[in-house]
Amino acid sequence: MLGTRATEDADRSKIGQRRPSSVLIGVLALQGDFEAHERVLERLGAGVREVRVVADLEGIAALVIPGGESTTMTLGVRREALAAPIAALVRKGLPGSCAGLIMLDREHLGLMDIAAQRNAFGRQVKSFETDLDLAGFAGGPLHAIFIRAPWIADHGPGVEVLADIDGHAVAAREGRMLAIAFHSELGEDDRVHEMLLDWAREFAGRAGVSEAR
């Protein structure tokens, strides 16, 4: 699942360079504000499919997991038996991102070698906005919206931390998986979704995934 350093450097050189995309992106639509992600992806020219059952995974070139209530989302994943098929696709190189970070950690889908601390910044009344410098993202700081946000309490050696607040990691990547603690879909900066689309185009080319219709 991990990319080479040369590949990661090439990824960084593309971030912020908007290009049309006709790849099909799956958005897990069990809970959370998945529609906001769909609007961003469609604005960037991607095809979008809501993922609720295993059959919805067929032909996607990346998977977005929205931030939301991780307990409810986990119950939905178990009910629809989605965990194993998603993990199998990730092992084949399927890119993915999670706005909320928790679902990717060791205790949930196990798609990244991280441990998340829930509600780390406090409850709803402690929500805040700030500008973050994300490693490898050209174009200056990214405005980030944190709502009942977690942070990464621990991570393995293959995980690259991209941003932190007061020493607490709030954005990281492992290969083609991206975990962020803020809601990029609620702001006006599309760079997080643009990076995912770059990864999706590369995966589609390697895997022979058809373009979205």
N, C-alpha and C. Protein backbone atom coordinates (compact mmCIF):
# COMPACT_ATOMS: atom_id res chain seq x y z
N MET A 1 0.81 -1.20 0.00
CA MET A 1 0.00 0.00 0.00
C MET A 1 0.86 1.26 0.00
N LEU A 2 2.10 1.11 0.45
CA LEU A 2 2.96 2.28 0.52
C LEU A 2 3.60 2.57 -0.82
N GLY A 3 3.66 3.86 -1.19
CA GLY A 3 4.30 4.27 -2.42
C GLY A 3 5.78 4.54 -2.19
N THR A 4 6.55 4.61 -3.24
CA THR A 4 7.95 4.95 -3.12
C THR A 4 8.09 6.44 -2.88
N ARG A 5 9.27 6.86 -2.39
CA ARG A 5 9.51 8.28 -2.16
C ARG A 5 9.41 9.06 -3.45
N ALA A 6 9.89 8.48 -4.55
CA ALA A 6 9.80 9.18 -5.84
C ALA A 6 8.35 9.39 -6.24
N THR A 7 7.52 8.37 -5.99
CA THR A 7 6.10 8.51 -6.31
C THR A 7 5.45 9.57 -5.47
N GLU A 8 5.79 9.62 -4.17
CA GLU A 8 5.20 10.62 -3.30
C GLU A 8 5.63 12.02 -3.69
N ASP A 9 6.89 12.18 -4.09
CA ASP A 9 7.35 13.49 -4.56
C ASP A 9 6.60 13.91 -5.81
N ALA A 10 6.34 12.95 -6.70
CA ALA A 10 5.59 13.26 -7.92
C ALA A 10 4.17 13.67 -7.58
N ASP A 11 3.57 13.00 -6.57
CA ASP A 11 2.23 13.38 -6.13
C ASP A 11 2.20 14.83 -5.73
N ARG A 12 3.18 15.25 -4.96
CA ARG A 12 3.20 16.61 -4.43
C ARG A 12 3.30 17.65 -5.53
N SER A 13 4.02 17.32 -6.58
CA SER A 13 4.18 18.29 -7.66
C SER A 13 2.89 18.55 -8.41
N LYS A 14 1.88 17.65 -8.24
CA LYS A 14 0.62 17.78 -8.97
C LYS A 14 -0.45 18.50 -8.18
N ILE A 15 -0.29 18.55 -6.85
CA ILE A 15 -1.35 19.08 -6.02
C ILE A 15 -1.59 20.54 -6.34
N GLY A 16 -2.84 20.89 -6.55
CA GLY A 16 -3.19 22.26 -6.87
C GLY A 16 -3.26 22.51 -8.37
N GLN A 17 -2.86 21.53 -9.19
CA GLN A 17 -2.97 21.67 -10.64
C GLN A 17 -4.29 21.04 -11.08
N ARG A 18 -5.33 21.85 -11.22
CA ARG A 18 -6.65 21.32 -11.55
C ARG A 18 -6.68 20.80 -12.97
N ARG A 19 -7.16 19.56 -13.11
CA ARG A 19 -7.31 18.96 -14.43
C ARG A 19 -8.65 18.26 -14.49
N PRO A 20 -9.25 18.15 -15.66
CA PRO A 20 -10.53 17.45 -15.75
C PRO A 20 -10.36 15.97 -15.41
N SER A 21 -11.39 15.39 -14.84
CA SER A 21 -11.34 13.98 -14.50
C SER A 21 -12.68 13.34 -14.80
N SER A 22 -12.65 12.17 -15.42
CA SER A 22 -13.89 11.45 -15.68
C SER A 22 -13.89 10.12 -14.94
N VAL A 23 -13.00 9.96 -13.95
CA VAL A 23 -12.98 8.74 -13.18
C VAL A 23 -14.18 8.69 -12.24
N LEU A 24 -14.53 7.48 -11.82
CA LEU A 24 -15.68 7.28 -10.94
C LEU A 24 -15.19 7.16 -9.50
N ILE A 25 -15.67 8.05 -8.64
CA ILE A 25 -15.28 8.07 -7.24
C ILE A 25 -16.45 7.59 -6.39
N GLY A 26 -16.18 6.62 -5.53
CA GLY A 26 -17.20 6.17 -4.60
C GLY A 26 -17.19 7.02 -3.34
N VAL A 27 -18.37 7.33 -2.84
CA VAL A 27 -18.50 8.07 -1.58
C VAL A 27 -19.35 7.21 -0.64
N LEU A 28 -18.76 6.79 0.48
CA LEU A 28 -19.50 5.97 1.43
C LEU A 28 -20.69 6.77 1.96
N ALA A 29 -21.89 6.26 1.74
CA ALA A 29 -23.10 7.04 2.01
C ALA A 29 -23.96 6.37 3.06
N LEU A 30 -23.32 5.99 4.17
CA LEU A 30 -24.05 5.36 5.26
C LEU A 30 -24.42 6.36 6.34
N GLN A 31 -23.63 7.42 6.47
CA GLN A 31 -23.86 8.44 7.50
C GLN A 31 -22.88 9.57 7.23
N GLY A 32 -23.11 10.72 7.82
CA GLY A 32 -22.22 11.85 7.60
C GLY A 32 -22.66 12.70 6.41
N ASP A 33 -21.95 13.78 6.18
CA ASP A 33 -22.33 14.71 5.12
C ASP A 33 -21.69 14.28 3.79
N PHE A 34 -22.11 13.10 3.31
CA PHE A 34 -21.52 12.58 2.07
C PHE A 34 -21.90 13.42 0.87
N GLU A 35 -23.05 14.08 0.92
CA GLU A 35 -23.49 14.89 -0.21
C GLU A 35 -22.56 16.07 -0.45
N ALA A 36 -21.96 16.61 0.60
CA ALA A 36 -21.02 17.73 0.43
C ALA A 36 -19.79 17.27 -0.35
N HIS A 37 -19.30 16.06 -0.08
CA HIS A 37 -18.17 15.52 -0.85
C HIS A 37 -18.57 15.33 -2.30
N GLU A 38 -19.77 14.84 -2.52
CA GLU A 38 -20.24 14.62 -3.88
C GLU A 38 -20.26 15.92 -4.68
N ARG A 39 -20.70 17.00 -4.05
CA ARG A 39 -20.74 18.28 -4.75
C ARG A 39 -19.35 18.74 -5.14
N VAL A 40 -18.37 18.57 -4.26
CA VAL A 40 -16.99 18.98 -4.59
C VAL A 40 -16.47 18.14 -5.75
N LEU A 41 -16.64 16.85 -5.67
CA LEU A 41 -16.12 15.95 -6.71
C LEU A 41 -16.77 16.22 -8.06
N GLU A 42 -18.07 16.45 -8.05
CA GLU A 42 -18.75 16.76 -9.31
C GLU A 42 -18.30 18.10 -9.87
N ARG A 43 -18.05 19.05 -8.99
CA ARG A 43 -17.53 20.35 -9.45
C ARG A 43 -16.17 20.19 -10.13
N LEU A 44 -15.39 19.21 -9.67
CA LEU A 44 -14.07 18.97 -10.24
C LEU A 44 -14.13 18.07 -11.48
N GLY A 45 -15.32 17.62 -11.84
CA GLY A 45 -15.48 16.86 -13.08
C GLY A 45 -15.49 15.36 -12.92
N ALA A 46 -15.49 14.86 -11.69
CA ALA A 46 -15.48 13.41 -11.48
C ALA A 46 -16.89 12.85 -11.52
N GLY A 47 -16.99 11.58 -11.90
CA GLY A 47 -18.22 10.85 -11.70
C GLY A 47 -18.30 10.40 -10.25
N VAL A 48 -19.50 10.35 -9.70
CA VAL A 48 -19.67 10.01 -8.29
C VAL A 48 -20.72 8.91 -8.15
N ARG A 49 -20.42 7.95 -7.28
CA ARG A 49 -21.40 6.91 -6.95
C ARG A 49 -21.48 6.79 -5.43
N GLU A 50 -22.69 6.81 -4.90
CA GLU A 50 -22.88 6.57 -3.48
C GLU A 50 -22.70 5.08 -3.19
N VAL A 51 -21.88 4.78 -2.19
CA VAL A 51 -21.57 3.40 -1.84
C VAL A 51 -22.34 3.04 -0.57
N ARG A 52 -23.26 2.07 -0.72
CA ARG A 52 -24.03 1.58 0.42
C ARG A 52 -23.94 0.07 0.56
N VAL A 53 -23.72 -0.62 -0.55
CA VAL A 53 -23.62 -2.09 -0.53
C VAL A 53 -22.39 -2.49 -1.33
N VAL A 54 -22.00 -3.75 -1.21
CA VAL A 54 -20.76 -4.22 -1.85
C VAL A 54 -20.76 -3.98 -3.35
N ALA A 55 -21.89 -4.17 -3.99
CA ALA A 55 -21.95 -4.01 -5.45
C ALA A 55 -21.59 -2.59 -5.88
N ASP A 56 -21.78 -1.62 -5.01
CA ASP A 56 -21.47 -0.23 -5.35
C ASP A 56 -19.97 0.03 -5.48
N LEU A 57 -19.15 -0.90 -4.99
CA LEU A 57 -17.69 -0.74 -5.08
C LEU A 57 -17.15 -1.07 -6.47
N GLU A 58 -17.94 -1.74 -7.26
CA GLU A 58 -17.49 -2.19 -8.58
C GLU A 58 -17.15 -1.00 -9.48
N GLY A 59 -15.91 -0.97 -9.97
CA GLY A 59 -15.52 0.02 -10.96
C GLY A 59 -15.10 1.37 -10.43
N ILE A 60 -15.10 1.57 -9.11
CA ILE A 60 -14.67 2.88 -8.60
C ILE A 60 -13.15 2.98 -8.63
N ALA A 61 -12.65 4.21 -8.72
CA ALA A 61 -11.21 4.46 -8.78
C ALA A 61 -10.67 5.07 -7.50
N ALA A 62 -11.54 5.38 -6.54
CA ALA A 62 -11.15 5.88 -5.23
C ALA A 62 -12.39 5.84 -4.35
N LEU A 63 -12.17 5.90 -3.05
CA LEU A 63 -13.28 5.88 -2.10
C LEU A 63 -13.11 7.01 -1.09
N VAL A 64 -14.15 7.82 -0.95
CA VAL A 64 -14.19 8.88 0.06
C VAL A 64 -15.07 8.41 1.21
N ILE A 65 -14.54 8.51 2.43
CA ILE A 65 -15.31 8.22 3.63
C ILE A 65 -15.56 9.55 4.33
N PRO A 66 -16.79 9.98 4.46
CA PRO A 66 -17.06 11.28 5.07
C PRO A 66 -16.83 11.25 6.57
N GLY A 67 -16.61 12.43 7.14
CA GLY A 67 -16.60 12.53 8.59
C GLY A 67 -18.03 12.38 9.10
N GLY A 68 -18.16 11.92 10.30
CA GLY A 68 -19.49 11.72 10.85
C GLY A 68 -19.41 10.94 12.15
N GLU A 69 -20.48 10.28 12.48
CA GLU A 69 -20.55 9.47 13.70
C GLU A 69 -19.96 8.09 13.41
N SER A 70 -18.76 7.86 13.91
CA SER A 70 -18.04 6.63 13.54
C SER A 70 -18.75 5.38 14.04
N THR A 71 -19.44 5.45 15.18
CA THR A 71 -20.15 4.27 15.69
C THR A 71 -21.27 3.87 14.73
N THR A 72 -22.06 4.85 14.30
CA THR A 72 -23.15 4.57 13.36
C THR A 72 -22.60 4.06 12.03
N MET A 73 -21.52 4.69 11.56
CA MET A 73 -20.93 4.28 10.29
C MET A 73 -20.39 2.85 10.37
N THR A 74 -19.75 2.52 11.49
CA THR A 74 -19.21 1.18 11.66
C THR A 74 -20.32 0.13 11.66
N LEU A 75 -21.44 0.44 12.32
CA LEU A 75 -22.57 -0.49 12.31
C LEU A 75 -23.08 -0.72 10.89
N GLY A 76 -23.13 0.35 10.09
CA GLY A 76 -23.57 0.21 8.71
C GLY A 76 -22.60 -0.62 7.88
N VAL A 77 -21.30 -0.43 8.10
CA VAL A 77 -20.29 -1.21 7.39
C VAL A 77 -20.43 -2.69 7.73
N ARG A 78 -20.65 -2.98 9.01
CA ARG A 78 -20.83 -4.38 9.42
C ARG A 78 -22.11 -4.98 8.84
N ARG A 79 -23.18 -4.22 8.89
CA ARG A 79 -24.47 -4.71 8.38
C ARG A 79 -24.38 -5.09 6.91
N GLU A 80 -23.66 -4.28 6.13
CA GLU A 80 -23.56 -4.51 4.69
C GLU A 80 -22.31 -5.31 4.30
N ALA A 81 -21.54 -5.77 5.31
CA ALA A 81 -20.33 -6.58 5.06
C ALA A 81 -19.38 -5.88 4.09
N LEU A 82 -19.14 -4.60 4.32
CA LEU A 82 -18.31 -3.81 3.42
C LEU A 82 -16.82 -3.83 3.78
N ALA A 83 -16.47 -4.15 5.01
CA ALA A 83 -15.09 -3.98 5.46
C ALA A 83 -14.10 -4.80 4.64
N ALA A 84 -14.37 -6.08 4.47
CA ALA A 84 -13.43 -6.95 3.74
C ALA A 84 -13.29 -6.54 2.28
N PRO A 85 -14.38 -6.27 1.55
CA PRO A 85 -14.22 -5.84 0.15
C PRO A 85 -13.46 -4.53 0.01
N ILE A 86 -13.69 -3.58 0.93
CA ILE A 86 -12.95 -2.33 0.87
C ILE A 86 -11.47 -2.58 1.11
N ALA A 87 -11.15 -3.39 2.12
CA ALA A 87 -9.74 -3.70 2.42
C ALA A 87 -9.07 -4.40 1.24
N ALA A 88 -9.79 -5.28 0.57
CA ALA A 88 -9.22 -5.99 -0.58
C ALA A 88 -8.89 -5.01 -1.70
N LEU A 89 -9.76 -4.03 -1.94
CA LEU A 89 -9.49 -3.03 -2.97
C LEU A 89 -8.29 -2.16 -2.60
N VAL A 90 -8.19 -1.80 -1.32
CA VAL A 90 -7.06 -0.97 -0.88
C VAL A 90 -5.75 -1.73 -1.06
N ARG A 91 -5.76 -3.02 -0.78
CA ARG A 91 -4.54 -3.82 -0.99
C ARG A 91 -4.13 -3.84 -2.46
N LYS A 92 -5.08 -3.66 -3.35
CA LYS A 92 -4.79 -3.59 -4.79
C LYS A 92 -4.37 -2.19 -5.23
N GLY A 93 -4.40 -1.24 -4.30
CA GLY A 93 -3.95 0.11 -4.61
C GLY A 93 -5.03 1.16 -4.69
N LEU A 94 -6.29 0.80 -4.40
CA LEU A 94 -7.37 1.78 -4.45
C LEU A 94 -7.07 2.94 -3.51
N PRO A 95 -7.08 4.18 -4.01
CA PRO A 95 -6.86 5.34 -3.13
C PRO A 95 -8.11 5.62 -2.30
N GLY A 96 -7.88 6.29 -1.18
CA GLY A 96 -9.02 6.66 -0.35
C GLY A 96 -8.68 7.81 0.58
N SER A 97 -9.72 8.44 1.08
CA SER A 97 -9.54 9.52 2.05
C SER A 97 -10.68 9.47 3.06
N CYS A 98 -10.41 10.00 4.24
CA CYS A 98 -11.43 10.07 5.27
C CYS A 98 -11.39 11.43 5.93
N ALA A 99 -12.49 12.16 5.84
CA ALA A 99 -12.62 13.44 6.54
C ALA A 99 -13.21 13.13 7.91
N GLY A 100 -12.36 12.95 8.87
CA GLY A 100 -12.80 12.50 10.17
C GLY A 100 -11.84 11.49 10.74
N LEU A 101 -11.08 10.82 9.86
CA LEU A 101 -9.88 10.08 10.23
C LEU A 101 -10.13 8.78 10.98
N ILE A 102 -11.16 8.74 11.83
CA ILE A 102 -11.35 7.60 12.73
C ILE A 102 -11.57 6.30 11.97
N MET A 103 -12.37 6.33 10.90
CA MET A 103 -12.72 5.10 10.20
C MET A 103 -11.53 4.39 9.58
N LEU A 104 -10.43 5.11 9.35
CA LEU A 104 -9.26 4.47 8.75
C LEU A 104 -8.36 3.82 9.78
N ASP A 105 -8.60 4.02 11.07
CA ASP A 105 -7.60 3.63 12.07
C ASP A 105 -7.64 2.14 12.37
N ARG A 106 -6.76 1.72 13.26
CA ARG A 106 -6.56 0.30 13.58
C ARG A 106 -7.81 -0.35 14.16
N GLU A 107 -8.61 0.41 14.89
CA GLU A 107 -9.76 -0.14 15.59
C GLU A 107 -11.02 -0.20 14.74
N HIS A 108 -10.98 0.40 13.55
CA HIS A 108 -12.17 0.43 12.70
C HIS A 108 -11.90 -0.35 11.41
N LEU A 109 -11.68 0.33 10.28
CA LEU A 109 -11.41 -0.40 9.04
C LEU A 109 -9.98 -0.91 8.95
N GLY A 110 -9.07 -0.35 9.74
CA GLY A 110 -7.69 -0.82 9.74
C GLY A 110 -6.95 -0.57 8.45
N LEU A 111 -7.30 0.51 7.74
CA LEU A 111 -6.68 0.80 6.45
C LEU A 111 -5.43 1.65 6.58
N MET A 112 -5.21 2.22 7.76
CA MET A 112 -3.96 2.94 8.04
C MET A 112 -3.45 2.53 9.41
N ASP A 113 -2.13 2.60 9.57
CA ASP A 113 -1.50 2.21 10.83
C ASP A 113 -1.51 3.41 11.78
N ILE A 114 -2.72 3.78 12.20
CA ILE A 114 -2.89 4.92 13.10
C ILE A 114 -3.88 4.55 14.20
N ALA A 115 -3.79 5.27 15.31
CA ALA A 115 -4.78 5.20 16.38
C ALA A 115 -5.36 6.59 16.55
N ALA A 116 -6.68 6.70 16.50
CA ALA A 116 -7.34 8.00 16.59
C ALA A 116 -7.87 8.22 18.00
N GLN A 117 -7.81 9.46 18.43
CA GLN A 117 -8.44 9.86 19.68
C GLN A 117 -9.69 10.68 19.34
N ARG A 118 -10.83 10.16 19.70
CA ARG A 118 -12.10 10.79 19.34
C ARG A 118 -12.32 12.08 20.13
N ASN A 119 -13.01 13.03 19.48
CA ASN A 119 -13.36 14.31 20.13
C ASN A 119 -12.17 14.92 20.88
N ALA A 120 -11.00 14.82 20.26
CA ALA A 120 -9.77 15.21 20.95
C ALA A 120 -9.73 16.70 21.28
N PHE A 121 -10.35 17.51 20.45
CA PHE A 121 -10.34 18.96 20.69
C PHE A 121 -11.54 19.42 21.50
N GLY A 122 -12.42 18.49 21.87
CA GLY A 122 -13.60 18.85 22.64
C GLY A 122 -14.88 18.59 21.86
N ARG A 123 -16.00 18.86 22.48
CA ARG A 123 -17.30 18.59 21.88
C ARG A 123 -17.66 19.67 20.85
N GLN A 124 -18.91 19.68 20.43
CA GLN A 124 -19.37 20.55 19.35
C GLN A 124 -19.03 22.02 19.60
N VAL A 125 -19.18 22.47 20.85
CA VAL A 125 -18.95 23.89 21.16
C VAL A 125 -17.47 24.27 21.01
N LYS A 126 -16.60 23.27 20.93
CA LYS A 126 -15.17 23.53 20.77
C LYS A 126 -14.75 23.48 19.30
N SER A 127 -15.69 23.41 18.38
CA SER A 127 -15.36 23.42 16.96
C SER A 127 -14.67 24.73 16.61
N PHE A 128 -13.78 24.67 15.62
CA PHE A 128 -13.00 25.86 15.27
C PHE A 128 -12.51 25.77 13.84
N GLU A 129 -12.00 26.89 13.35
CA GLU A 129 -11.40 26.95 12.02
C GLU A 129 -9.99 27.52 12.15
N THR A 130 -9.09 27.06 11.29
CA THR A 130 -7.72 27.55 11.31
C THR A 130 -7.08 27.31 9.95
N ASP A 131 -5.97 27.98 9.70
CA ASP A 131 -5.21 27.76 8.47
C ASP A 131 -4.07 26.79 8.76
N LEU A 132 -3.97 25.76 7.93
CA LEU A 132 -2.97 24.71 8.13
C LEU A 132 -2.00 24.65 6.96
N ASP A 133 -0.73 24.48 7.27
CA ASP A 133 0.26 24.16 6.24
C ASP A 133 0.35 22.64 6.15
N LEU A 134 -0.08 22.08 5.02
CA LEU A 134 -0.02 20.64 4.81
C LEU A 134 1.20 20.32 3.95
N ALA A 135 2.04 19.43 4.45
CA ALA A 135 3.25 19.06 3.73
C ALA A 135 2.91 18.58 2.33
N GLY A 136 3.58 19.16 1.33
CA GLY A 136 3.40 18.73 -0.04
C GLY A 136 2.28 19.42 -0.78
N PHE A 137 1.52 20.27 -0.12
CA PHE A 137 0.43 20.99 -0.78
C PHE A 137 0.91 22.38 -1.18
N ALA A 138 1.02 22.61 -2.48
CA ALA A 138 1.42 23.92 -2.97
C ALA A 138 0.26 24.90 -2.82
N GLY A 139 0.59 26.19 -2.84
CA GLY A 139 -0.46 27.21 -2.83
C GLY A 139 -0.72 27.83 -1.48
N GLY A 140 0.13 27.55 -0.50
CA GLY A 140 -0.03 28.18 0.80
C GLY A 140 -0.93 27.39 1.73
N PRO A 141 -1.22 27.96 2.91
CA PRO A 141 -2.03 27.25 3.90
C PRO A 141 -3.43 26.92 3.39
N LEU A 142 -3.97 25.85 3.93
CA LEU A 142 -5.32 25.41 3.60
C LEU A 142 -6.23 25.72 4.78
N HIS A 143 -7.37 26.35 4.51
CA HIS A 143 -8.29 26.70 5.59
C HIS A 143 -9.04 25.44 6.01
N ALA A 144 -8.94 25.10 7.29
CA ALA A 144 -9.49 23.83 7.78
C ALA A 144 -10.57 24.08 8.81
N ILE A 145 -11.66 23.32 8.69
CA ILE A 145 -12.81 23.42 9.59
C ILE A 145 -12.86 22.16 10.45
N PHE A 146 -12.73 22.34 11.76
CA PHE A 146 -12.71 21.22 12.71
C PHE A 146 -14.01 21.19 13.49
N ILE A 147 -14.72 20.05 13.42
CA ILE A 147 -15.99 19.89 14.13
C ILE A 147 -15.92 18.60 14.94
N ARG A 148 -15.94 18.71 16.26
CA ARG A 148 -15.80 17.53 17.14
C ARG A 148 -14.65 16.65 16.63
N ALA A 149 -13.53 17.26 16.39
CA ALA A 149 -12.46 16.61 15.63
C ALA A 149 -11.60 15.69 16.48
N PRO A 150 -11.14 14.61 15.86
CA PRO A 150 -10.14 13.75 16.48
C PRO A 150 -8.74 14.24 16.15
N TRP A 151 -7.75 13.58 16.71
CA TRP A 151 -6.38 13.69 16.21
C TRP A 151 -5.75 12.30 16.22
N ILE A 152 -4.59 12.19 15.62
CA ILE A 152 -3.87 10.91 15.58
C ILE A 152 -3.03 10.80 16.84
N ALA A 153 -3.39 9.85 17.69
CA ALA A 153 -2.69 9.69 18.96
C ALA A 153 -1.42 8.86 18.81
N ASP A 154 -1.39 8.00 17.77
CA ASP A 154 -0.22 7.14 17.55
C ASP A 154 -0.23 6.70 16.10
N HIS A 155 0.94 6.47 15.56
CA HIS A 155 1.01 5.99 14.17
C HIS A 155 2.27 5.17 13.97
N GLY A 156 2.22 4.30 12.97
CA GLY A 156 3.35 3.45 12.65
C GLY A 156 4.38 4.17 11.79
N PRO A 157 5.53 3.52 11.53
CA PRO A 157 6.63 4.15 10.80
C PRO A 157 6.32 4.44 9.34
N GLY A 158 5.34 3.76 8.76
CA GLY A 158 5.00 3.99 7.36
C GLY A 158 4.05 5.14 7.13
N VAL A 159 3.62 5.79 8.20
CA VAL A 159 2.67 6.90 8.11
C VAL A 159 3.42 8.22 8.10
N GLU A 160 3.10 9.08 7.15
CA GLU A 160 3.70 10.40 7.06
C GLU A 160 2.72 11.44 7.58
N VAL A 161 3.09 12.15 8.62
CA VAL A 161 2.24 13.22 9.15
C VAL A 161 2.39 14.44 8.26
N LEU A 162 1.25 14.98 7.83
CA LEU A 162 1.25 16.13 6.92
C LEU A 162 1.00 17.44 7.63
N ALA A 163 0.34 17.41 8.77
CA ALA A 163 0.05 18.64 9.51
C ALA A 163 -0.25 18.29 10.96
N ASP A 164 0.06 19.23 11.85
CA ASP A 164 -0.28 19.04 13.25
C ASP A 164 -0.72 20.37 13.86
N ILE A 165 -1.40 20.26 14.97
CA ILE A 165 -1.79 21.42 15.77
C ILE A 165 -1.27 21.18 17.19
N ASP A 166 -0.38 22.05 17.63
CA ASP A 166 0.21 21.93 18.96
C ASP A 166 0.80 20.54 19.20
N GLY A 167 1.42 19.99 18.17
CA GLY A 167 2.07 18.70 18.29
C GLY A 167 1.17 17.50 18.07
N HIS A 168 -0.11 17.73 17.83
CA HIS A 168 -1.06 16.64 17.59
C HIS A 168 -1.32 16.51 16.09
N ALA A 169 -1.07 15.33 15.54
CA ALA A 169 -1.22 15.13 14.10
C ALA A 169 -2.70 15.17 13.70
N VAL A 170 -3.01 15.97 12.68
CA VAL A 170 -4.39 16.11 12.21
C VAL A 170 -4.53 15.78 10.73
N ALA A 171 -3.44 15.45 10.06
CA ALA A 171 -3.49 15.02 8.67
C ALA A 171 -2.30 14.11 8.42
N ALA A 172 -2.54 12.99 7.73
CA ALA A 172 -1.47 12.04 7.47
C ALA A 172 -1.82 11.21 6.25
N ARG A 173 -0.78 10.61 5.66
CA ARG A 173 -0.99 9.70 4.54
C ARG A 173 -0.15 8.45 4.73
N GLU A 174 -0.65 7.37 4.19
CA GLU A 174 0.09 6.12 4.11
C GLU A 174 -0.18 5.54 2.73
N GLY A 175 0.82 5.63 1.86
CA GLY A 175 0.60 5.23 0.48
C GLY A 175 -0.44 6.13 -0.15
N ARG A 176 -1.52 5.52 -0.64
CA ARG A 176 -2.60 6.28 -1.29
C ARG A 176 -3.81 6.46 -0.38
N MET A 177 -3.59 6.33 0.92
CA MET A 177 -4.66 6.60 1.87
C MET A 177 -4.35 7.91 2.60
N LEU A 178 -5.38 8.76 2.70
CA LEU A 178 -5.23 10.07 3.31
C LEU A 178 -6.23 10.21 4.44
N ALA A 179 -5.74 10.54 5.62
CA ALA A 179 -6.61 10.75 6.79
C ALA A 179 -6.49 12.19 7.23
N ILE A 180 -7.63 12.87 7.35
CA ILE A 180 -7.63 14.25 7.84
C ILE A 180 -8.68 14.38 8.92
N ALA A 181 -8.41 15.25 9.89
CA ALA A 181 -9.32 15.44 11.02
C ALA A 181 -10.29 16.57 10.80
N PHE A 182 -10.17 17.26 9.67
CA PHE A 182 -11.04 18.41 9.40
C PHE A 182 -11.93 18.11 8.19
N HIS A 183 -12.86 19.03 7.94
CA HIS A 183 -13.86 18.83 6.89
C HIS A 183 -13.51 19.68 5.66
N SER A 184 -12.71 19.11 4.78
CA SER A 184 -12.32 19.83 3.57
C SER A 184 -13.50 20.07 2.64
N GLU A 185 -14.53 19.25 2.76
CA GLU A 185 -15.69 19.38 1.87
C GLU A 185 -16.55 20.60 2.21
N LEU A 186 -16.33 21.21 3.37
CA LEU A 186 -17.13 22.36 3.78
C LEU A 186 -16.50 23.69 3.43
N GLY A 187 -15.24 23.68 3.01
CA GLY A 187 -14.55 24.91 2.65
C GLY A 187 -14.57 25.14 1.15
N GLU A 188 -13.83 26.15 0.74
CA GLU A 188 -13.77 26.51 -0.67
C GLU A 188 -12.46 26.07 -1.33
N ASP A 189 -11.60 25.42 -0.59
CA ASP A 189 -10.30 24.96 -1.09
C ASP A 189 -10.43 23.49 -1.48
N ASP A 190 -10.25 23.19 -2.76
CA ASP A 190 -10.48 21.83 -3.28
C ASP A 190 -9.22 20.97 -3.34
N ARG A 191 -8.12 21.42 -2.77
CA ARG A 191 -6.85 20.73 -2.99
C ARG A 191 -6.84 19.29 -2.45
N VAL A 192 -7.52 19.03 -1.37
CA VAL A 192 -7.56 17.65 -0.85
C VAL A 192 -8.26 16.73 -1.85
N HIS A 193 -9.40 17.16 -2.36
CA HIS A 193 -10.12 16.35 -3.34
C HIS A 193 -9.36 16.25 -4.66
N GLU A 194 -8.66 17.31 -5.02
CA GLU A 194 -7.86 17.28 -6.25
C GLU A 194 -6.76 16.24 -6.15
N MET A 195 -6.12 16.14 -4.98
CA MET A 195 -5.08 15.13 -4.81
C MET A 195 -5.66 13.73 -4.94
N LEU A 196 -6.83 13.50 -4.33
CA LEU A 196 -7.47 12.20 -4.45
C LEU A 196 -7.78 11.87 -5.90
N LEU A 197 -8.21 12.86 -6.67
CA LEU A 197 -8.50 12.62 -8.08
C LEU A 197 -7.24 12.28 -8.86
N ASP A 198 -6.12 12.92 -8.54
CA ASP A 198 -4.86 12.55 -9.18
C ASP A 198 -4.54 11.08 -8.93
N TRP A 199 -4.68 10.66 -7.68
CA TRP A 199 -4.43 9.27 -7.33
C TRP A 199 -5.41 8.35 -8.06
N ALA A 200 -6.68 8.77 -8.13
CA ALA A 200 -7.70 7.94 -8.77
C ALA A 200 -7.40 7.74 -10.25
N ARG A 201 -6.95 8.78 -10.93
CA ARG A 201 -6.61 8.65 -12.35
C ARG A 201 -5.47 7.65 -12.54
N GLU A 202 -4.48 7.70 -11.67
CA GLU A 202 -3.36 6.76 -11.77
C GLU A 202 -3.83 5.33 -11.51
N PHE A 203 -4.66 5.16 -10.50
CA PHE A 203 -5.18 3.81 -10.20
C PHE A 203 -6.01 3.29 -11.35
N ALA A 204 -6.87 4.13 -11.91
CA ALA A 204 -7.72 3.71 -13.02
C ALA A 204 -6.88 3.29 -14.21
N GLY A 205 -5.79 4.01 -14.48
CA GLY A 205 -4.92 3.65 -15.58
C GLY A 205 -4.24 2.31 -15.39
N ARG A 206 -3.81 2.04 -14.15
CA ARG A 206 -3.13 0.78 -13.87
C ARG A 206 -4.10 -0.40 -13.84
N ALA A 207 -5.28 -0.15 -13.25
CA ALA A 207 -6.23 -1.24 -13.03
C ALA A 207 -7.17 -1.44 -14.21
N GLY A 208 -7.11 -0.56 -15.19
CA GLY A 208 -8.01 -0.69 -16.34
C GLY A 208 -9.44 -0.38 -16.00
N VAL A 209 -9.66 0.49 -15.01
CA VAL A 209 -11.02 0.87 -14.63
C VAL A 209 -11.60 1.79 -15.71
N SER A 210 -12.82 1.52 -16.10
CA SER A 210 -13.47 2.32 -17.13
C SER A 210 -13.74 3.73 -16.64
N GLU A 211 -13.81 4.67 -17.58
CA GLU A 211 -14.15 6.04 -17.23
C GLU A 211 -15.61 6.09 -16.81
N ALA A 212 -15.90 7.11 -15.97
CA ALA A 212 -17.28 7.30 -15.52
C ALA A 212 -18.14 7.72 -16.69
N ARG A 213 -19.36 7.29 -16.67
CA ARG A 213 -20.33 7.66 -17.71
C ARG A 213 -21.33 8.63 -17.14
